[in-house]
Amino acid sequence: YTITADVRAEGETLRSVQFKVEALVANSEREVTIDLPELDEREAFVNFTVRKDSRTLYSEANHEIAVYQFQLKDNTATLPALVNNNVQPLVLEESRLE
C-alpha cells in the first residue's frame, strides 16, 4: 500500500509525505510518525489517502481505497471588527415615547 499524508491549512498544502507500507493485513494497524510543519493561526488538518499498489480483480493498481481526515488545530485568528462604511447614520428627530 502507498499512503499519502497531506497537511493542509484552509486549502493550502503545507506538507505532503508519501510512504509505503508492506505486509499489511486486514484489520491491522501500523503506527507512523510525520514531521509537522509550523502551523499558523489557520485551521489545519492532516489527510491520509491509502492506495493499493497492485491490481486486483475489482480495481486497477493505485486505486484509492481509503481516505481519513484528522483535525490538527482550530482556527485561532481574531476577526477584524466589522465596519460598514456604506450605512447612513441613524438620526433620532423626535421621540414618540414621551
PDB file of N, CA and C in Angstrom:
ATOM      1  N   TYR A   1       0.839  -1.183   0.000  1.00  0.00           N
ATOM      2  CA  TYR A   1       0.000   0.000   0.000  1.00  0.00           C
ATOM      3  C   TYR A   1       0.880   1.242   0.000  1.00  0.00           C
ATOM      4  N   THR A   2       0.382   2.287  -0.614  1.00  0.00           N
ATOM      5  CA  THR A   2       1.035   3.590  -0.559  1.00  0.00           C
ATOM      6  C   THR A   2       0.109   4.534   0.193  1.00  0.00           C
ATOM      7  N   ILE A   3       0.658   5.188   1.195  1.00  0.00           N
ATOM      8  CA  ILE A   3      -0.114   6.139   1.990  1.00  0.00           C
ATOM      9  C   ILE A   3       0.453   7.531   1.744  1.00  0.00           C
ATOM     10  N   THR A   4      -0.445   8.461   1.470  1.00  0.00           N
ATOM     11  CA  THR A   4      -0.056   9.856   1.306  1.00  0.00           C
ATOM     12  C   THR A   4      -0.666  10.640   2.462  1.00  0.00           C
ATOM     13  N   ALA A   5       0.162  11.430   3.128  1.00  0.00           N
ATOM     14  CA  ALA A   5      -0.303  12.295   4.214  1.00  0.00           C
ATOM     15  C   ALA A   5      -0.108  13.740   3.771  1.00  0.00           C
ATOM     16  N   ASP A   6      -1.204  14.483   3.716  1.00  0.00           N
ATOM     17  CA  ASP A   6      -1.161  15.896   3.341  1.00  0.00           C
ATOM     18  C   ASP A   6      -1.568  16.735   4.538  1.00  0.00           C
ATOM     19  N   VAL A   7      -0.699  17.649   4.946  1.00  0.00           N
ATOM     20  CA  VAL A   7      -1.036  18.608   5.997  1.00  0.00           C
ATOM     21  C   VAL A   7      -1.525  19.857   5.283  1.00  0.00           C
ATOM     22  N   ARG A   8      -2.774  20.239   5.583  1.00  0.00           N
ATOM     23  CA  ARG A   8      -3.404  21.350   4.870  1.00  0.00           C
ATOM     24  C   ARG A   8      -3.975  22.368   5.847  1.00  0.00           C
ATOM     25  N   ALA A   9      -3.870  23.647   5.456  1.00  0.00           N
ATOM     26  CA  ALA A   9      -4.456  24.745   6.228  1.00  0.00           C
ATOM     27  C   ALA A   9      -5.275  25.591   5.267  1.00  0.00           C
ATOM     28  N   GLU A  10      -6.586  25.581   5.448  1.00  0.00           N
ATOM     29  CA  GLU A  10      -7.516  26.363   4.630  1.00  0.00           C
ATOM     30  C   GLU A  10      -7.235  26.210   3.136  1.00  0.00           C
ATOM     31  N   GLY A  11      -7.099  24.960   2.687  1.00  0.00           N
ATOM     32  CA  GLY A  11      -6.929  24.662   1.271  1.00  0.00           C
ATOM     33  C   GLY A  11      -5.500  24.660   0.773  1.00  0.00           C
ATOM     34  N   GLU A  12      -4.572  25.161   1.551  1.00  0.00           N
ATOM     35  CA  GLU A  12      -3.168  25.193   1.141  1.00  0.00           C
ATOM     36  C   GLU A  12      -2.444  23.970   1.699  1.00  0.00           C
ATOM     37  N   THR A  13      -1.730  23.248   0.837  1.00  0.00           N
ATOM     38  CA  THR A  13      -0.945  22.103   1.287  1.00  0.00           C
ATOM     39  C   THR A  13       0.366  22.615   1.873  1.00  0.00           C
ATOM     40  N   LEU A  14       0.582  22.352   3.156  1.00  0.00           N
ATOM     41  CA  LEU A  14       1.795  22.790   3.841  1.00  0.00           C
ATOM     42  C   LEU A  14       2.896  21.743   3.752  1.00  0.00           C
ATOM     43  N   ARG A  15       2.503  20.480   3.724  1.00  0.00           N
ATOM     44  CA  ARG A  15       3.475  19.388   3.608  1.00  0.00           C
ATOM     45  C   ARG A  15       2.755  18.169   3.058  1.00  0.00           C
ATOM     46  N   SER A  16       3.447  17.435   2.203  1.00  0.00           N
ATOM     47  CA  SER A  16       2.912  16.194   1.654  1.00  0.00           C
ATOM     48  C   SER A  16       3.996  15.131   1.776  1.00  0.00           C
ATOM     49  N   VAL A  17       3.640  14.010   2.393  1.00  0.00           N
ATOM     50  CA  VAL A  17       4.582  12.912   2.621  1.00  0.00           C
ATOM     51  C   VAL A  17       3.951  11.637   2.072  1.00  0.00           C
ATOM     52  N   GLN A  18       4.757  10.847   1.373  1.00  0.00           N
ATOM     53  CA  GLN A  18       4.261   9.583   0.834  1.00  0.00           C
ATOM     54  C   GLN A  18       5.174   8.461   1.313  1.00  0.00           C
ATOM     55  N   PHE A  19       4.566   7.352   1.748  1.00  0.00           N
ATOM     56  CA  PHE A  19       5.371   6.225   2.207  1.00  0.00           C
ATOM     57  C   PHE A  19       4.665   4.917   1.895  1.00  0.00           C
ATOM     58  N   LYS A  20       5.459   3.850   1.811  1.00  0.00           N
ATOM     59  CA  LYS A  20       4.952   2.507   1.516  1.00  0.00           C
ATOM     60  C   LYS A  20       4.776   1.741   2.814  1.00  0.00           C
ATOM     61  N   VAL A  21       3.741   0.900   2.839  1.00  0.00           N
ATOM     62  CA  VAL A  21       3.502   0.012   3.972  1.00  0.00           C
ATOM     63  C   VAL A  21       3.432  -1.401   3.408  1.00  0.00           C
ATOM     64  N   GLU A  22       4.330  -2.254   3.865  1.00  0.00           N
ATOM     65  CA  GLU A  22       4.399  -3.632   3.378  1.00  0.00           C
ATOM     66  C   GLU A  22       3.704  -4.570   4.357  1.00  0.00           C
ATOM     67  N   ALA A  23       3.230  -5.681   3.847  1.00  0.00           N
ATOM     68  CA  ALA A  23       2.671  -6.782   4.655  1.00  0.00           C
ATOM     69  C   ALA A  23       1.604  -6.301   5.640  1.00  0.00           C
ATOM     70  N   LEU A  24       0.684  -5.532   5.147  1.00  0.00           N
ATOM     71  CA  LEU A  24      -0.411  -5.032   5.973  1.00  0.00           C
ATOM     72  C   LEU A  24      -1.632  -5.918   5.748  1.00  0.00           C
ATOM     73  N   VAL A  25      -2.094  -6.546   6.808  1.00  0.00           N
ATOM     74  CA  VAL A  25      -3.249  -7.441   6.689  1.00  0.00           C
ATOM     75  C   VAL A  25      -4.508  -6.710   7.144  1.00  0.00           C
ATOM     76  N   ALA A  26      -5.654  -7.225   6.736  1.00  0.00           N
ATOM     77  CA  ALA A  26      -6.933  -6.603   7.082  1.00  0.00           C
ATOM     78  C   ALA A  26      -7.097  -6.474   8.589  1.00  0.00           C
ATOM     79  N   ASN A  27      -7.692  -5.361   9.017  1.00  0.00           N
ATOM     80  CA  ASN A  27      -7.979  -5.066  10.426  1.00  0.00           C
ATOM     81  C   ASN A  27      -6.733  -4.975  11.297  1.00  0.00           C
ATOM     82  N   SER A  28      -5.597  -4.698  10.700  1.00  0.00           N
ATOM     83  CA  SER A  28      -4.381  -4.489  11.490  1.00  0.00           C
ATOM     84  C   SER A  28      -4.095  -2.993  11.536  1.00  0.00           C
ATOM     85  N   GLU A  29      -3.095  -2.622  12.274  1.00  0.00           N
ATOM     86  CA  GLU A  29      -2.748  -1.208  12.368  1.00  0.00           C
ATOM     87  C   GLU A  29      -1.250  -1.048  12.343  1.00  0.00           C
ATOM     88  N   ARG A  30      -0.823   0.162  12.005  1.00  0.00           N
ATOM     89  CA  ARG A  30       0.586   0.482  11.909  1.00  0.00           C
ATOM     90  C   ARG A  30       0.762   1.901  12.405  1.00  0.00           C
ATOM     91  N   GLU A  31       1.714   2.123  13.265  1.00  0.00           N
ATOM     92  CA  GLU A  31       1.972   3.470  13.765  1.00  0.00           C
ATOM     93  C   GLU A  31       2.952   4.165  12.832  1.00  0.00           C
ATOM     94  N   VAL A  32       2.645   5.417  12.489  1.00  0.00           N
ATOM     95  CA  VAL A  32       3.526   6.207  11.632  1.00  0.00           C
ATOM     96  C   VAL A  32       3.805   7.541  12.315  1.00  0.00           C
ATOM     97  N   THR A  33       4.949   8.105  12.009  1.00  0.00           N
ATOM     98  CA  THR A  33       5.335   9.405  12.545  1.00  0.00           C
ATOM     99  C   THR A  33       5.528  10.364  11.382  1.00  0.00           C
ATOM    100  N   ILE A  34       4.913  11.525  11.484  1.00  0.00           N
ATOM    101  CA  ILE A  34       5.014  12.538  10.438  1.00  0.00           C
ATOM    102  C   ILE A  34       5.501  13.829  11.078  1.00  0.00           C
ATOM    103  N   ASP A  35       6.549  14.409  10.519  1.00  0.00           N
ATOM    104  CA  ASP A  35       7.023  15.708  10.989  1.00  0.00           C
ATOM    105  C   ASP A  35       6.075  16.784  10.476  1.00  0.00           C
ATOM    106  N   LEU A  36       5.476  17.510  11.393  1.00  0.00           N
ATOM    107  CA  LEU A  36       4.528  18.555  11.021  1.00  0.00           C
ATOM    108  C   LEU A  36       5.261  19.864  10.768  1.00  0.00           C
ATOM    109  N   PRO A  37       4.788  20.635   9.796  1.00  0.00           N
ATOM    110  CA  PRO A  37       5.354  21.971   9.606  1.00  0.00           C
ATOM    111  C   PRO A  37       4.864  22.891  10.715  1.00  0.00           C
ATOM    112  N   GLU A  38       5.470  24.049  10.824  1.00  0.00           N
ATOM    113  CA  GLU A  38       4.985  25.028  11.796  1.00  0.00           C
ATOM    114  C   GLU A  38       3.605  25.499  11.344  1.00  0.00           C
ATOM    115  N   LEU A  39       2.658  25.463  12.253  1.00  0.00           N
ATOM    116  CA  LEU A  39       1.282  25.833  11.924  1.00  0.00           C
ATOM    117  C   LEU A  39       1.004  27.252  12.388  1.00  0.00           C
ATOM    118  N   ASP A  40       0.333  28.027  11.541  1.00  0.00           N
ATOM    119  CA  ASP A  40      -0.017  29.399  11.904  1.00  0.00           C
ATOM    120  C   ASP A  40      -1.420  29.425  12.513  1.00  0.00           C
ATOM    121  N   GLU A  41      -2.106  30.562  12.419  1.00  0.00           N
ATOM    122  CA  GLU A  41      -3.407  30.706  13.085  1.00  0.00           C
ATOM    123  C   GLU A  41      -4.546  30.012  12.347  1.00  0.00           C
ATOM    124  N   ARG A  42      -4.295  29.505  11.155  1.00  0.00           N
ATOM    125  CA  ARG A  42      -5.364  28.874  10.373  1.00  0.00           C
ATOM    126  C   ARG A  42      -5.720  27.486  10.909  1.00  0.00           C
ATOM    127  N   GLU A  43      -6.958  27.081  10.645  1.00  0.00           N
ATOM    128  CA  GLU A  43      -7.410  25.734  10.968  1.00  0.00           C
ATOM    129  C   GLU A  43      -6.601  24.759  10.110  1.00  0.00           C
ATOM    130  N   ALA A  44      -6.127  23.659  10.710  1.00  0.00           N
ATOM    131  CA  ALA A  44      -5.264  22.732   9.976  1.00  0.00           C
ATOM    132  C   ALA A  44      -5.721  21.291  10.165  1.00  0.00           C
ATOM    133  N   PHE A  45      -5.547  20.509   9.115  1.00  0.00           N
ATOM    134  CA  PHE A  45      -5.922  19.098   9.100  1.00  0.00           C
ATOM    135  C   PHE A  45      -4.792  18.284   8.494  1.00  0.00           C
ATOM    136  N   VAL A  46      -4.763  16.994   8.819  1.00  0.00           N
ATOM    137  CA  VAL A  46      -3.918  16.054   8.081  1.00  0.00           C
ATOM    138  C   VAL A  46      -4.871  15.069   7.406  1.00  0.00           C
ATOM    139  N   ASN A  47      -4.677  14.887   6.108  1.00  0.00           N
ATOM    140  CA  ASN A  47      -5.495  13.974   5.313  1.00  0.00           C
ATOM    141  C   ASN A  47      -4.634  12.789   4.895  1.00  0.00           C
ATOM    142  N   PHE A  48      -5.115  11.588   5.143  1.00  0.00           N
ATOM    143  CA  PHE A  48      -4.418  10.375   4.727  1.00  0.00           C
ATOM    144  C   PHE A  48      -5.190   9.736   3.581  1.00  0.00           C
ATOM    145  N   THR A  49      -4.489   9.387   2.521  1.00  0.00           N
ATOM    146  CA  THR A  49      -5.071   8.660   1.398  1.00  0.00           C
ATOM    147  C   THR A  49      -4.315   7.347   1.261  1.00  0.00           C
ATOM    148  N   VAL A  50      -5.051   6.238   1.208  1.00  0.00           N
ATOM    149  CA  VAL A  50      -4.444   4.909   1.095  1.00  0.00           C
ATOM    150  C   VAL A  50      -4.760   4.366  -0.291  1.00  0.00           C
ATOM    151  N   ARG A  51      -3.698   3.945  -0.999  1.00  0.00           N
ATOM    152  CA  ARG A  51      -3.862   3.361  -2.334  1.00  0.00           C
ATOM    153  C   ARG A  51      -3.237   1.972  -2.362  1.00  0.00           C
ATOM    154  N   LYS A  52      -3.905   1.067  -3.042  1.00  0.00           N
ATOM    155  CA  LYS A  52      -3.378  -0.292  -3.210  1.00  0.00           C
ATOM    156  C   LYS A  52      -2.445  -0.278  -4.410  1.00  0.00           C
ATOM    157  N   ASP A  53      -1.200  -0.723  -4.214  1.00  0.00           N
ATOM    158  CA  ASP A  53      -0.186  -0.659  -5.264  1.00  0.00           C
ATOM    159  C   ASP A  53      -0.436  -1.643  -6.401  1.00  0.00           C
ATOM    160  N   SER A  54      -0.997  -2.796  -6.082  1.00  0.00           N
ATOM    161  CA  SER A  54      -1.154  -3.839  -7.099  1.00  0.00           C
ATOM    162  C   SER A  54      -2.584  -3.896  -7.629  1.00  0.00           C
ATOM    163  N   ARG A  55      -2.711  -4.462  -8.802  1.00  0.00           N
ATOM    164  CA  ARG A  55      -4.022  -4.649  -9.426  1.00  0.00           C
ATOM    165  C   ARG A  55      -4.742  -5.795  -8.723  1.00  0.00           C
ATOM    166  N   THR A  56      -6.072  -5.689  -8.638  1.00  0.00           N
ATOM    167  CA  THR A  56      -6.888  -6.768  -8.083  1.00  0.00           C
ATOM    168  C   THR A  56      -8.003  -7.083  -9.078  1.00  0.00           C
ATOM    169  N   LEU A  57      -8.836  -8.038  -8.735  1.00  0.00           N
ATOM    170  CA  LEU A  57      -9.973  -8.371  -9.597  1.00  0.00           C
ATOM    171  C   LEU A  57     -10.967  -7.219  -9.694  1.00  0.00           C
ATOM    172  N   TYR A  58     -11.024  -6.391  -8.682  1.00  0.00           N
ATOM    173  CA  TYR A  58     -12.015  -5.316  -8.642  1.00  0.00           C
ATOM    174  C   TYR A  58     -11.452  -3.925  -8.919  1.00  0.00           C
ATOM    175  N   SER A  59     -10.118  -3.776  -9.038  1.00  0.00           N
ATOM    176  CA  SER A  59      -9.572  -2.435  -9.254  1.00  0.00           C
ATOM    177  C   SER A  59      -8.202  -2.486  -9.920  1.00  0.00           C
ATOM    178  N   GLU A  60      -7.857  -1.361 -10.526  1.00  0.00           N
ATOM    179  CA  GLU A  60      -6.536  -1.200 -11.126  1.00  0.00           C
ATOM    180  C   GLU A  60      -5.511  -0.884 -10.031  1.00  0.00           C
ATOM    181  N   ALA A  61      -4.234  -0.947 -10.390  1.00  0.00           N
ATOM    182  CA  ALA A  61      -3.176  -0.554  -9.454  1.00  0.00           C
ATOM    183  C   ALA A  61      -3.338   0.931  -9.110  1.00  0.00           C
ATOM    184  N   ASN A  62      -2.938   1.311  -7.924  1.00  0.00           N
ATOM    185  CA  ASN A  62      -3.036   2.684  -7.394  1.00  0.00           C
ATOM    186  C   ASN A  62      -4.472   3.137  -7.164  1.00  0.00           C
ATOM    187  N   HIS A  63      -5.367   2.187  -6.995  1.00  0.00           N
ATOM    188  CA  HIS A  63      -6.769   2.503  -6.701  1.00  0.00           C
ATOM    189  C   HIS A  63      -6.874   3.027  -5.265  1.00  0.00           C
ATOM    190  N   GLU A  64      -7.563   4.155  -5.099  1.00  0.00           N
ATOM    191  CA  GLU A  64      -7.755   4.744  -3.773  1.00  0.00           C
ATOM    192  C   GLU A  64      -8.762   3.897  -3.005  1.00  0.00           C
ATOM    193  N   ILE A  65      -8.341   3.393  -1.841  1.00  0.00           N
ATOM    194  CA  ILE A  65      -9.240   2.527  -1.076  1.00  0.00           C
ATOM    195  C   ILE A  65      -9.710   3.147   0.235  1.00  0.00           C
ATOM    196  N   ALA A  66      -9.041   4.195   0.703  1.00  0.00           N
ATOM    197  CA  ALA A  66      -9.472   4.816   1.958  1.00  0.00           C
ATOM    198  C   ALA A  66      -8.954   6.245   2.039  1.00  0.00           C
ATOM    199  N   VAL A  67      -9.752   7.099   2.679  1.00  0.00           N
ATOM    200  CA  VAL A  67      -9.358   8.483   2.939  1.00  0.00           C
ATOM    201  C   VAL A  67      -9.766   8.805   4.370  1.00  0.00           C
ATOM    202  N   TYR A  68      -8.847   9.378   5.124  1.00  0.00           N
ATOM    203  CA  TYR A  68      -9.110   9.750   6.514  1.00  0.00           C
ATOM    204  C   TYR A  68      -8.686  11.198   6.707  1.00  0.00           C
ATOM    205  N   GLN A  69      -9.384  11.908   7.592  1.00  0.00           N
ATOM    206  CA  GLN A  69      -9.035  13.291   7.898  1.00  0.00           C
ATOM    207  C   GLN A  69      -9.071  13.496   9.405  1.00  0.00           C
ATOM    208  N   PHE A  70      -8.007  14.143   9.924  1.00  0.00           N
ATOM    209  CA  PHE A  70      -7.911  14.437  11.352  1.00  0.00           C
ATOM    210  C   PHE A  70      -7.583  15.916  11.520  1.00  0.00           C
ATOM    211  N   GLN A  71      -8.316  16.576  12.408  1.00  0.00           N
ATOM    212  CA  GLN A  71      -8.044  17.991  12.672  1.00  0.00           C
ATOM    213  C   GLN A  71      -6.821  18.106  13.568  1.00  0.00           C
ATOM    214  N   LEU A  72      -5.899  18.972  13.174  1.00  0.00           N
ATOM    215  CA  LEU A  72      -4.698  19.229  13.970  1.00  0.00           C
ATOM    216  C   LEU A  72      -4.903  20.401  14.917  1.00  0.00           C
ATOM    217  N   LYS A  73      -5.596  21.443  14.448  1.00  0.00           N
ATOM    218  CA  LYS A  73      -5.844  22.603  15.306  1.00  0.00           C
ATOM    219  C   LYS A  73      -6.997  23.427  14.770  1.00  0.00           C
ATOM    220  N   ASP A  74      -7.653  24.158  15.686  1.00  0.00           N
ATOM    221  CA  ASP A  74      -8.728  25.079  15.321  1.00  0.00           C
ATOM    222  C   ASP A  74      -8.140  26.367  14.762  1.00  0.00           C
ATOM    223  N   ASN A  75      -8.979  27.137  14.118  1.00  0.00           N
ATOM    224  CA  ASN A  75      -8.590  28.461  13.664  1.00  0.00           C
ATOM    225  C   ASN A  75      -8.472  29.358  14.895  1.00  0.00           C
ATOM    226  N   THR A  76      -7.321  29.988  15.072  1.00  0.00           N
ATOM    227  CA  THR A  76      -7.101  30.850  16.237  1.00  0.00           C
ATOM    228  C   THR A  76      -6.951  32.319  15.845  1.00  0.00           C
ATOM    229  N   ALA A  77      -7.246  32.642  14.594  1.00  0.00           N
ATOM    230  CA  ALA A  77      -7.141  34.033  14.141  1.00  0.00           C
ATOM    231  C   ALA A  77      -8.264  34.857  14.759  1.00  0.00           C
ATOM    232  N   THR A  78      -7.972  36.106  15.048  1.00  0.00           N
ATOM    233  CA  THR A  78      -9.010  37.006  15.538  1.00  0.00           C
ATOM    234  C   THR A  78      -9.581  37.756  14.342  1.00  0.00           C
ATOM    235  N   LEU A  79     -10.889  37.847  14.302  1.00  0.00           N
ATOM    236  CA  LEU A  79     -11.548  38.518  13.189  1.00  0.00           C
ATOM    237  C   LEU A  79     -11.476  40.025  13.371  1.00  0.00           C
ATOM    238  N   PRO A  80     -11.292  40.753  12.281  1.00  0.00           N
ATOM    239  CA  PRO A  80     -11.285  42.216  12.397  1.00  0.00           C
ATOM    240  C   PRO A  80     -12.695  42.713  12.705  1.00  0.00           C
ATOM    241  N   ALA A  81     -12.768  43.889  13.320  1.00  0.00           N
ATOM    242  CA  ALA A  81     -14.070  44.483  13.637  1.00  0.00           C
ATOM    243  C   ALA A  81     -14.807  44.790  12.340  1.00  0.00           C
ATOM    244  N   LEU A  82     -16.105  44.533  12.340  1.00  0.00           N
ATOM    245  CA  LEU A  82     -16.924  44.787  11.157  1.00  0.00           C
ATOM    246  C   LEU A  82     -17.269  46.269  11.099  1.00  0.00           C
ATOM    247  N   VAL A  83     -16.859  46.900  10.023  1.00  0.00           N
ATOM    248  CA  VAL A  83     -17.167  48.312   9.807  1.00  0.00           C
ATOM    249  C   VAL A  83     -17.823  48.421   8.439  1.00  0.00           C
ATOM    250  N   ASN A  84     -19.057  48.930   8.418  1.00  0.00           N
ATOM    251  CA  ASN A  84     -19.770  49.118   7.159  1.00  0.00           C
ATOM    252  C   ASN A  84     -19.806  50.610   6.865  1.00  0.00           C
ATOM    253  N   ASN A  85     -19.004  51.046   5.912  1.00  0.00           N
ATOM    254  CA  ASN A  85     -18.919  52.468   5.575  1.00  0.00           C
ATOM    255  C   ASN A  85     -20.034  52.927   4.648  1.00  0.00           C
ATOM    256  N   ASN A  86     -20.898  52.031   4.202  1.00  0.00           N
ATOM    257  CA  ASN A  86     -21.983  52.380   3.285  1.00  0.00           C
ATOM    258  C   ASN A  86     -23.301  52.649   4.004  1.00  0.00           C
ATOM    259  N   VAL A  87     -23.306  52.600   5.305  1.00  0.00           N
ATOM    260  CA  VAL A  87     -24.531  52.755   6.081  1.00  0.00           C
ATOM    261  C   VAL A  87     -24.727  54.224   6.443  1.00  0.00           C
ATOM    262  N   GLN A  88     -25.985  54.684   6.332  1.00  0.00           N
ATOM    263  CA  GLN A  88     -26.321  56.041   6.758  1.00  0.00           C
ATOM    264  C   GLN A  88     -26.431  56.063   8.281  1.00  0.00           C
ATOM    265  N   PRO A  89     -25.941  57.113   8.918  1.00  0.00           N
ATOM    266  CA  PRO A  89     -26.053  57.173  10.377  1.00  0.00           C
ATOM    267  C   PRO A  89     -27.518  57.286  10.810  1.00  0.00           C
ATOM    268  N   LEU A  90     -27.829  56.728  11.932  1.00  0.00           N
ATOM    269  CA  LEU A  90     -29.179  56.779  12.488  1.00  0.00           C
ATOM    270  C   LEU A  90     -29.345  58.106  13.228  1.00  0.00           C
ATOM    271  N   VAL A  91     -30.376  58.848  12.843  1.00  0.00           N
ATOM    272  CA  VAL A  91     -30.639  60.149  13.459  1.00  0.00           C
ATOM    273  C   VAL A  91     -32.039  60.103  14.049  1.00  0.00           C
ATOM    274  N   LEU A  92     -32.155  60.425  15.324  1.00  0.00           N
ATOM    275  CA  LEU A  92     -33.443  60.451  16.013  1.00  0.00           C
ATOM    276  C   LEU A  92     -33.948  61.888  16.008  1.00  0.00           C
ATOM    277  N   GLU A  93     -35.063  62.149  15.300  1.00  0.00           N
ATOM    278  CA  GLU A  93     -35.578  63.511  15.171  1.00  0.00           C
ATOM    279  C   GLU A  93     -36.610  63.843  16.232  1.00  0.00           C
ATOM    280  N   GLU A  94     -37.396  62.867  16.647  1.00  0.00           N
ATOM    281  CA  GLU A  94     -38.369  63.107  17.708  1.00  0.00           C
ATOM    282  C   GLU A  94     -38.592  61.793  18.443  1.00  0.00           C
ATOM    283  N   SER A  95     -39.039  61.922  19.629  1.00  0.00           N
ATOM    284  CA  SER A  95     -39.324  60.743  20.417  1.00  0.00           C
ATOM    285  C   SER A  95     -40.821  60.627  20.591  1.00  0.00           C
ATOM    286  N   ARG A  96     -41.407  59.574  20.143  1.00  0.00           N
ATOM    287  CA  ARG A  96     -42.849  59.361  20.285  1.00  0.00           C
ATOM    288  C   ARG A  96     -43.170  58.623  21.577  1.00  0.00           C
ATOM    289  N   LEU A  97     -42.175  58.339  22.345  1.00  0.00           N
ATOM    290  CA  LEU A  97     -42.381  57.624  23.596  1.00  0.00           C
ATOM    291  C   LEU A  97     -42.642  58.572  24.755  1.00  0.00           C
ATOM    292  N   GLU A  98     -42.407  59.848  24.587  1.00  0.00           N
ATOM    293  CA  GLU A  98     -42.566  60.799  25.689  1.00  0.00           C
ATOM    294  C   GLU A  98     -43.920  61.426  25.699  1.00  0.00           C
TER     295      GLU A  98
END
